[in-house]
Structure formats: C-alpha cells, structure tokens
C-alpha cells in the first residue's frame, strides 16, 4: 500500500499563481518555510480577490540563502521583478525559494471554506493526511 504524501497549503497572490501554472515562474519565494522535510507537494490557494484553491505543484528542492545569492540563482525564472524581490526580502539575512518541479492545475477551482472547512493560511498550513485535496 502506497503511503500518502503529506502536503502543505500555501497562500499565493493570484497573479503569481497564474505565472506558476503557465510555467514562467519556477520559484516561489518565502521569508519562512515549513520545517517538515517530508512535504513534497504544495497546494496553491490563490488569495484575494480570487480566494480559491486552483492547483498544486511538486517541490524539486528548497533553496536557502542570502537574498542577494538567492536572486542570482533564481532570477531567470523568478517570475517577479528584481525591485519587488528586494522589497519583499528587505532587512532579511535569509530567504527561501521553493523550486517548482511539476504543476497540476485543477479542472475546477475549489472554495477552501466550503469544500474543506479550512480558513486561508497567512503563510502556509499543513494539510491532513487523509488526502482531502485530490480533485
């Protein structure tokens, strides 16, 4: 019997979520990241104004470095402008970039509260292992 992989739910601005699913954004940047190394899949909650779960992606790896070095490593597939990146990581010694391996856009977007009785996370939320998000 295959063991269920743990997933994490991330709130991502809709414009960035779209770039992830169209393939032009290969990194999702975070100031803090989940500690559980067993997480292999990110479920994407497109935040306001969309407020829907729209798909998921597999994690290739998570980079951790100074913002300057992180930008050098990721800039070609960052999906954001350097000014926005620098503003996001202002006064941070360390930043994270989740490298996106493979995406899966759901056929229908889902309402987090209605379908799963969950509130949108400020940053991320570990999902229960019963595979609630597998449309």
N, C-alpha and C. Protein backbone atom coordinates (compact mmCIF):
# COMPACT_ATOMS: atom_id res chain seq x y z
N UNK A 1 0.84 -1.19 0.00
CA UNK A 1 0.00 0.00 0.00
C UNK A 1 0.88 1.25 0.00
N UNK A 2 0.60 2.16 -0.92
CA UNK A 2 1.39 3.37 -1.05
C UNK A 2 1.07 4.33 0.10
N UNK A 3 2.13 4.84 0.74
CA UNK A 3 1.93 5.78 1.83
C UNK A 3 1.56 7.16 1.26
N UNK A 4 0.59 7.77 1.88
CA UNK A 4 0.11 9.08 1.43
C UNK A 4 1.17 10.14 1.70
N UNK A 5 1.46 10.96 0.70
CA UNK A 5 2.42 12.04 0.87
C UNK A 5 1.74 13.23 1.54
N UNK A 6 2.46 13.82 2.46
CA UNK A 6 1.95 14.99 3.15
C UNK A 6 2.03 16.20 2.22
N UNK A 7 1.06 17.08 2.34
CA UNK A 7 1.01 18.29 1.51
C UNK A 7 0.92 19.51 2.41
N UNK A 8 1.28 20.64 1.83
CA UNK A 8 1.16 21.91 2.53
C UNK A 8 0.36 22.85 1.62
N UNK A 9 -0.46 23.69 2.25
CA UNK A 9 -1.26 24.67 1.52
C UNK A 9 -0.57 26.02 1.65
N UNK A 10 -0.30 26.65 0.49
CA UNK A 10 0.33 27.97 0.50
C UNK A 10 -0.63 29.00 -0.07
N UNK A 11 -0.70 30.15 0.58
CA UNK A 11 -1.42 31.30 0.02
C UNK A 11 -0.47 32.02 -0.92
N UNK A 12 -0.91 32.17 -2.16
CA UNK A 12 -0.09 32.84 -3.19
C UNK A 12 -0.98 33.85 -3.90
N UNK A 13 -0.47 35.04 -4.15
CA UNK A 13 -1.25 36.05 -4.87
C UNK A 13 -1.63 35.51 -6.24
N UNK A 14 -2.87 35.77 -6.68
CA UNK A 14 -3.36 35.20 -7.94
C UNK A 14 -2.45 35.44 -9.15
N UNK A 15 -1.87 36.63 -9.26
CA UNK A 15 -1.02 36.91 -10.42
C UNK A 15 0.23 36.01 -10.42
N UNK A 16 0.75 35.69 -9.24
CA UNK A 16 1.92 34.83 -9.16
C UNK A 16 1.53 33.36 -9.36
N UNK A 17 0.36 33.00 -8.85
CA UNK A 17 -0.15 31.64 -9.05
C UNK A 17 -0.32 31.36 -10.54
N UNK A 18 -0.85 32.34 -11.28
CA UNK A 18 -1.02 32.17 -12.73
C UNK A 18 0.33 31.95 -13.42
N UNK A 19 1.34 32.71 -13.00
CA UNK A 19 2.68 32.56 -13.59
C UNK A 19 3.26 31.18 -13.29
N UNK A 20 2.97 30.65 -12.12
CA UNK A 20 3.43 29.29 -11.77
C UNK A 20 2.80 28.28 -12.72
N UNK A 21 1.49 28.38 -12.92
CA UNK A 21 0.80 27.39 -13.74
C UNK A 21 1.00 27.57 -15.23
N UNK A 22 1.44 28.75 -15.68
CA UNK A 22 1.76 28.90 -17.10
C UNK A 22 3.23 28.60 -17.37
N UNK A 23 3.98 28.29 -16.31
CA UNK A 23 5.37 27.84 -16.47
C UNK A 23 6.43 28.91 -16.48
N UNK A 24 6.05 30.18 -16.36
CA UNK A 24 7.07 31.23 -16.42
C UNK A 24 7.69 31.54 -15.06
N UNK A 25 7.05 31.10 -13.98
CA UNK A 25 7.60 31.30 -12.62
C UNK A 25 7.95 29.92 -12.08
N UNK A 26 9.25 29.67 -11.90
CA UNK A 26 9.71 28.35 -11.46
C UNK A 26 10.11 28.32 -9.99
N UNK A 27 10.01 29.47 -9.33
CA UNK A 27 10.37 29.57 -7.91
C UNK A 27 9.29 30.35 -7.16
N UNK A 28 8.94 29.84 -5.99
CA UNK A 28 8.04 30.57 -5.10
C UNK A 28 8.88 31.03 -3.91
N UNK A 29 8.92 32.33 -3.69
CA UNK A 29 9.77 32.92 -2.66
C UNK A 29 9.04 33.04 -1.34
N UNK A 30 9.78 32.78 -0.26
CA UNK A 30 9.20 32.84 1.09
C UNK A 30 10.23 33.40 2.06
N UNK A 31 9.72 34.12 3.07
CA UNK A 31 10.58 34.62 4.15
C UNK A 31 10.81 33.52 5.17
N UNK A 32 9.84 32.64 5.29
CA UNK A 32 9.93 31.47 6.18
C UNK A 32 9.32 30.30 5.43
N UNK A 33 9.78 29.12 5.77
CA UNK A 33 9.30 27.93 5.07
C UNK A 33 9.00 26.84 6.09
N UNK A 34 8.17 25.92 5.72
CA UNK A 34 7.80 24.80 6.59
C UNK A 34 9.04 23.98 6.95
N UNK A 35 9.05 23.46 8.15
CA UNK A 35 10.21 22.70 8.65
C UNK A 35 10.17 21.23 8.26
N UNK A 36 8.98 20.71 7.97
CA UNK A 36 8.82 19.29 7.67
C UNK A 36 9.41 18.95 6.30
N UNK A 37 10.48 18.17 6.28
CA UNK A 37 11.16 17.82 5.03
C UNK A 37 10.41 16.76 4.23
N UNK A 38 9.36 16.20 4.81
CA UNK A 38 8.55 15.20 4.11
C UNK A 38 7.58 15.83 3.11
N UNK A 39 7.41 17.13 3.18
CA UNK A 39 6.49 17.82 2.27
C UNK A 39 7.08 17.77 0.86
N UNK A 40 6.31 17.20 -0.06
CA UNK A 40 6.74 17.08 -1.45
C UNK A 40 5.79 17.81 -2.40
N UNK A 41 4.60 18.19 -1.88
CA UNK A 41 3.59 18.82 -2.72
C UNK A 41 3.03 20.07 -2.04
N UNK A 42 2.90 21.13 -2.85
CA UNK A 42 2.29 22.38 -2.40
C UNK A 42 0.94 22.53 -3.09
N UNK A 43 -0.10 22.71 -2.31
CA UNK A 43 -1.43 23.00 -2.83
C UNK A 43 -1.54 24.53 -2.84
N UNK A 44 -1.95 25.07 -3.99
CA UNK A 44 -1.96 26.52 -4.18
C UNK A 44 -3.33 27.12 -3.92
N UNK A 45 -3.37 28.00 -2.91
CA UNK A 45 -4.56 28.80 -2.63
C UNK A 45 -4.29 30.19 -3.19
N UNK A 46 -5.00 30.54 -4.26
CA UNK A 46 -4.87 31.88 -4.85
C UNK A 46 -5.65 32.84 -3.95
N UNK A 47 -4.93 33.75 -3.33
CA UNK A 47 -5.52 34.63 -2.33
C UNK A 47 -6.44 35.68 -2.97
N UNK A 48 -6.84 36.66 -2.20
CA UNK A 48 -7.78 37.69 -2.63
C UNK A 48 -7.29 38.39 -3.90
N UNK A 49 -8.14 38.67 -4.84
CA UNK A 49 -9.60 38.58 -4.81
C UNK A 49 -10.16 37.21 -5.24
N UNK A 50 -9.33 36.32 -5.75
CA UNK A 50 -9.82 35.03 -6.25
C UNK A 50 -10.32 34.12 -5.12
N UNK A 51 -9.49 33.93 -4.11
CA UNK A 51 -9.82 33.12 -2.92
C UNK A 51 -10.30 31.72 -3.27
N UNK A 52 -9.50 31.01 -4.07
CA UNK A 52 -9.83 29.66 -4.49
C UNK A 52 -8.57 28.79 -4.50
N UNK A 53 -8.75 27.49 -4.28
CA UNK A 53 -7.68 26.52 -4.44
C UNK A 53 -7.68 26.17 -5.93
N UNK A 54 -6.55 26.42 -6.61
CA UNK A 54 -6.55 26.28 -8.07
C UNK A 54 -5.66 25.16 -8.62
N UNK A 55 -4.82 24.58 -7.77
CA UNK A 55 -3.96 23.51 -8.25
C UNK A 55 -2.88 23.17 -7.25
N UNK A 56 -1.88 22.45 -7.71
CA UNK A 56 -0.78 22.07 -6.84
C UNK A 56 0.49 21.91 -7.66
N UNK A 57 1.62 21.89 -6.95
CA UNK A 57 2.88 21.61 -7.63
C UNK A 57 3.78 20.76 -6.75
N UNK A 58 4.64 19.99 -7.42
CA UNK A 58 5.64 19.18 -6.72
C UNK A 58 6.86 20.05 -6.45
N UNK A 59 7.49 19.81 -5.32
CA UNK A 59 8.70 20.54 -4.94
C UNK A 59 9.92 19.78 -5.44
N UNK A 60 10.75 20.47 -6.22
CA UNK A 60 12.01 19.86 -6.64
C UNK A 60 13.03 19.97 -5.51
N UNK A 61 13.18 21.19 -4.97
CA UNK A 61 14.05 21.43 -3.82
C UNK A 61 13.74 22.81 -3.27
N UNK A 62 14.25 23.07 -2.08
CA UNK A 62 14.09 24.39 -1.47
C UNK A 62 15.47 24.99 -1.25
N UNK A 63 15.67 26.14 -1.86
CA UNK A 63 16.94 26.86 -1.71
C UNK A 63 16.83 27.80 -0.52
N UNK A 64 17.93 27.93 0.19
CA UNK A 64 18.00 28.83 1.33
C UNK A 64 19.33 29.58 1.24
N UNK A 65 19.25 30.90 1.19
CA UNK A 65 20.47 31.69 1.03
C UNK A 65 20.18 33.15 1.34
N UNK A 66 21.22 33.97 1.25
CA UNK A 66 21.02 35.41 1.40
C UNK A 66 20.18 35.86 0.21
N UNK A 67 19.36 36.89 0.38
CA UNK A 67 18.56 37.37 -0.75
C UNK A 67 19.39 37.67 -2.00
N UNK A 68 20.58 38.23 -1.83
CA UNK A 68 21.43 38.55 -2.98
C UNK A 68 21.79 37.29 -3.77
N UNK A 69 22.23 36.25 -3.06
CA UNK A 69 22.61 34.99 -3.72
C UNK A 69 21.39 34.26 -4.26
N UNK A 70 20.29 34.35 -3.54
CA UNK A 70 19.04 33.72 -3.97
C UNK A 70 18.59 34.32 -5.32
N UNK A 71 18.68 35.64 -5.43
CA UNK A 71 18.29 36.30 -6.68
C UNK A 71 19.20 35.85 -7.83
N UNK A 72 20.49 35.78 -7.58
CA UNK A 72 21.43 35.35 -8.63
C UNK A 72 21.09 33.95 -9.13
N UNK A 73 20.70 33.06 -8.23
CA UNK A 73 20.40 31.68 -8.59
C UNK A 73 19.05 31.52 -9.29
N UNK A 74 18.12 32.43 -9.02
CA UNK A 74 16.73 32.21 -9.46
C UNK A 74 16.19 33.24 -10.44
N UNK A 75 16.91 34.30 -10.68
CA UNK A 75 16.35 35.47 -11.38
C UNK A 75 15.76 35.17 -12.76
N UNK A 76 16.31 34.21 -13.48
CA UNK A 76 15.81 33.93 -14.83
C UNK A 76 14.42 33.31 -14.84
N UNK A 77 14.04 32.67 -13.73
CA UNK A 77 12.72 32.06 -13.64
C UNK A 77 11.99 32.51 -12.36
N UNK A 78 12.29 33.72 -11.90
CA UNK A 78 11.70 34.24 -10.66
C UNK A 78 10.22 34.59 -10.85
N UNK A 79 9.88 35.06 -12.04
CA UNK A 79 8.50 35.46 -12.30
C UNK A 79 8.13 36.79 -11.67
N UNK A 80 9.11 37.46 -11.09
CA UNK A 80 8.89 38.77 -10.48
C UNK A 80 10.07 39.67 -10.84
N UNK A 81 9.86 40.97 -10.69
CA UNK A 81 10.92 41.94 -10.96
C UNK A 81 11.89 41.99 -9.78
N UNK A 82 13.12 42.36 -10.05
CA UNK A 82 14.15 42.43 -9.00
C UNK A 82 13.76 43.43 -7.90
N UNK A 83 13.16 44.55 -8.27
CA UNK A 83 12.74 45.54 -7.26
C UNK A 83 11.73 44.94 -6.29
N UNK A 84 10.77 44.19 -6.82
CA UNK A 84 9.76 43.55 -5.99
C UNK A 84 10.41 42.52 -5.06
N UNK A 85 11.33 41.73 -5.61
CA UNK A 85 12.08 40.74 -4.84
C UNK A 85 12.82 41.42 -3.69
N UNK A 86 13.56 42.50 -4.00
CA UNK A 86 14.34 43.21 -2.98
C UNK A 86 13.46 43.83 -1.91
N UNK A 87 12.32 44.34 -2.30
CA UNK A 87 11.38 44.91 -1.34
C UNK A 87 10.83 43.81 -0.42
N UNK A 88 10.50 42.67 -1.01
CA UNK A 88 9.96 41.54 -0.23
C UNK A 88 10.96 41.05 0.82
N UNK A 89 12.23 40.96 0.43
CA UNK A 89 13.26 40.45 1.36
C UNK A 89 14.04 41.55 2.07
N UNK A 90 13.57 42.79 2.05
CA UNK A 90 14.25 43.91 2.70
C UNK A 90 14.53 43.57 4.17
N UNK A 91 15.73 43.85 4.62
CA UNK A 91 16.16 43.63 6.01
C UNK A 91 16.18 42.16 6.41
N UNK A 92 16.21 41.27 5.46
CA UNK A 92 16.30 39.83 5.75
C UNK A 92 17.69 39.33 5.42
N UNK A 93 18.25 38.53 6.32
CA UNK A 93 19.56 37.94 6.06
C UNK A 93 19.41 36.63 5.28
N UNK A 94 18.23 36.04 5.38
CA UNK A 94 18.00 34.73 4.78
C UNK A 94 16.65 34.71 4.06
N UNK A 95 16.64 34.06 2.92
CA UNK A 95 15.40 33.90 2.16
C UNK A 95 15.31 32.48 1.64
N UNK A 96 14.12 32.12 1.18
CA UNK A 96 13.88 30.76 0.67
C UNK A 96 13.23 30.84 -0.71
N UNK A 97 13.58 29.89 -1.55
CA UNK A 97 12.97 29.77 -2.87
C UNK A 97 12.60 28.30 -3.07
N UNK A 98 11.30 28.07 -3.22
CA UNK A 98 10.82 26.70 -3.47
C UNK A 98 10.88 26.49 -4.98
N UNK A 99 11.71 25.55 -5.42
CA UNK A 99 11.82 25.26 -6.85
C UNK A 99 10.69 24.33 -7.26
N UNK A 100 9.94 24.77 -8.26
CA UNK A 100 8.76 24.04 -8.72
C UNK A 100 9.18 22.99 -9.74
N UNK A 101 8.78 21.74 -9.46
CA UNK A 101 9.14 20.63 -10.33
C UNK A 101 8.08 20.39 -11.40
N UNK A 102 6.85 20.16 -10.98
CA UNK A 102 5.76 19.82 -11.90
C UNK A 102 4.46 20.39 -11.36
N UNK A 103 3.66 21.02 -12.23
CA UNK A 103 2.40 21.61 -11.78
C UNK A 103 1.20 20.78 -12.24
N UNK A 104 0.13 20.94 -11.50
CA UNK A 104 -1.15 20.30 -11.83
C UNK A 104 -2.26 21.30 -11.54
N UNK A 105 -2.84 21.83 -12.60
CA UNK A 105 -3.95 22.79 -12.46
C UNK A 105 -5.24 21.99 -12.32
N UNK A 106 -6.04 22.30 -11.33
CA UNK A 106 -7.31 21.60 -11.14
C UNK A 106 -8.30 22.01 -12.23
N UNK A 107 -9.13 21.09 -12.64
CA UNK A 107 -10.17 21.39 -13.64
C UNK A 107 -11.14 22.45 -13.11
N UNK A 108 -11.46 22.35 -11.83
CA UNK A 108 -12.33 23.33 -11.18
C UNK A 108 -11.61 23.88 -9.96
N UNK A 109 -11.68 25.20 -9.79
CA UNK A 109 -11.12 25.78 -8.57
C UNK A 109 -12.07 25.48 -7.42
N UNK A 110 -11.53 25.40 -6.23
CA UNK A 110 -12.30 24.98 -5.06
C UNK A 110 -12.30 26.03 -3.97
N UNK A 111 -13.42 26.14 -3.29
CA UNK A 111 -13.54 27.06 -2.17
C UNK A 111 -13.00 26.37 -0.92
N UNK A 112 -12.02 26.97 -0.29
CA UNK A 112 -11.37 26.39 0.88
C UNK A 112 -12.34 26.17 2.04
N UNK A 113 -13.14 27.16 2.35
CA UNK A 113 -14.08 27.03 3.48
C UNK A 113 -15.19 26.03 3.19
N UNK A 114 -15.78 26.13 1.99
CA UNK A 114 -16.92 25.28 1.65
C UNK A 114 -16.52 23.81 1.46
N UNK A 115 -15.47 23.56 0.70
CA UNK A 115 -15.09 22.19 0.38
C UNK A 115 -14.29 21.50 1.48
N UNK A 116 -13.51 22.26 2.24
CA UNK A 116 -12.58 21.63 3.18
C UNK A 116 -12.71 22.13 4.61
N UNK A 117 -13.59 23.10 4.83
CA UNK A 117 -13.78 23.68 6.15
C UNK A 117 -12.47 24.20 6.74
N UNK A 118 -11.67 24.84 5.89
CA UNK A 118 -10.40 25.41 6.32
C UNK A 118 -10.41 26.91 6.08
N UNK A 119 -9.70 27.63 6.94
CA UNK A 119 -9.51 29.07 6.74
C UNK A 119 -8.22 29.28 5.95
N UNK A 120 -8.16 30.30 5.13
CA UNK A 120 -6.94 30.56 4.36
C UNK A 120 -5.76 30.82 5.29
N UNK A 121 -4.63 30.21 5.01
CA UNK A 121 -3.46 30.43 5.86
C UNK A 121 -2.80 31.78 5.57
N UNK A 122 -2.23 32.37 6.58
CA UNK A 122 -1.47 33.61 6.40
C UNK A 122 -0.24 33.32 5.54
N UNK A 123 0.42 32.23 5.83
CA UNK A 123 1.61 31.84 5.08
C UNK A 123 1.42 30.43 4.51
N UNK A 124 1.40 29.42 5.42
CA UNK A 124 1.18 28.05 4.97
C UNK A 124 0.43 27.27 6.03
N UNK A 125 -0.07 26.10 5.62
CA UNK A 125 -0.85 25.25 6.52
C UNK A 125 -0.58 23.80 6.13
N UNK A 126 -0.18 22.99 7.11
CA UNK A 126 -0.03 21.55 6.84
C UNK A 126 -1.41 20.96 6.62
N UNK A 127 -1.54 20.15 5.60
CA UNK A 127 -2.84 19.54 5.31
C UNK A 127 -2.94 18.17 5.95
N UNK A 128 -4.14 17.82 6.40
CA UNK A 128 -4.35 16.49 6.99
C UNK A 128 -3.98 15.41 5.97
N UNK A 129 -3.54 14.29 6.48
CA UNK A 129 -3.05 13.22 5.61
C UNK A 129 -4.14 12.43 4.88
N UNK A 130 -5.40 12.70 5.17
CA UNK A 130 -6.44 11.92 4.52
C UNK A 130 -6.71 12.36 3.07
N UNK A 131 -5.75 13.10 2.51
CA UNK A 131 -5.79 13.45 1.10
C UNK A 131 -7.06 14.23 0.73
N UNK A 132 -7.44 15.18 1.55
CA UNK A 132 -8.66 15.94 1.32
C UNK A 132 -8.63 16.74 0.02
N UNK A 133 -7.45 17.11 -0.41
CA UNK A 133 -7.34 17.90 -1.63
C UNK A 133 -6.77 17.04 -2.75
N UNK A 134 -7.61 16.28 -3.37
CA UNK A 134 -7.17 15.46 -4.51
C UNK A 134 -8.28 15.39 -5.54
N UNK A 135 -8.60 16.55 -6.13
CA UNK A 135 -9.68 16.57 -7.12
C UNK A 135 -9.32 15.82 -8.40
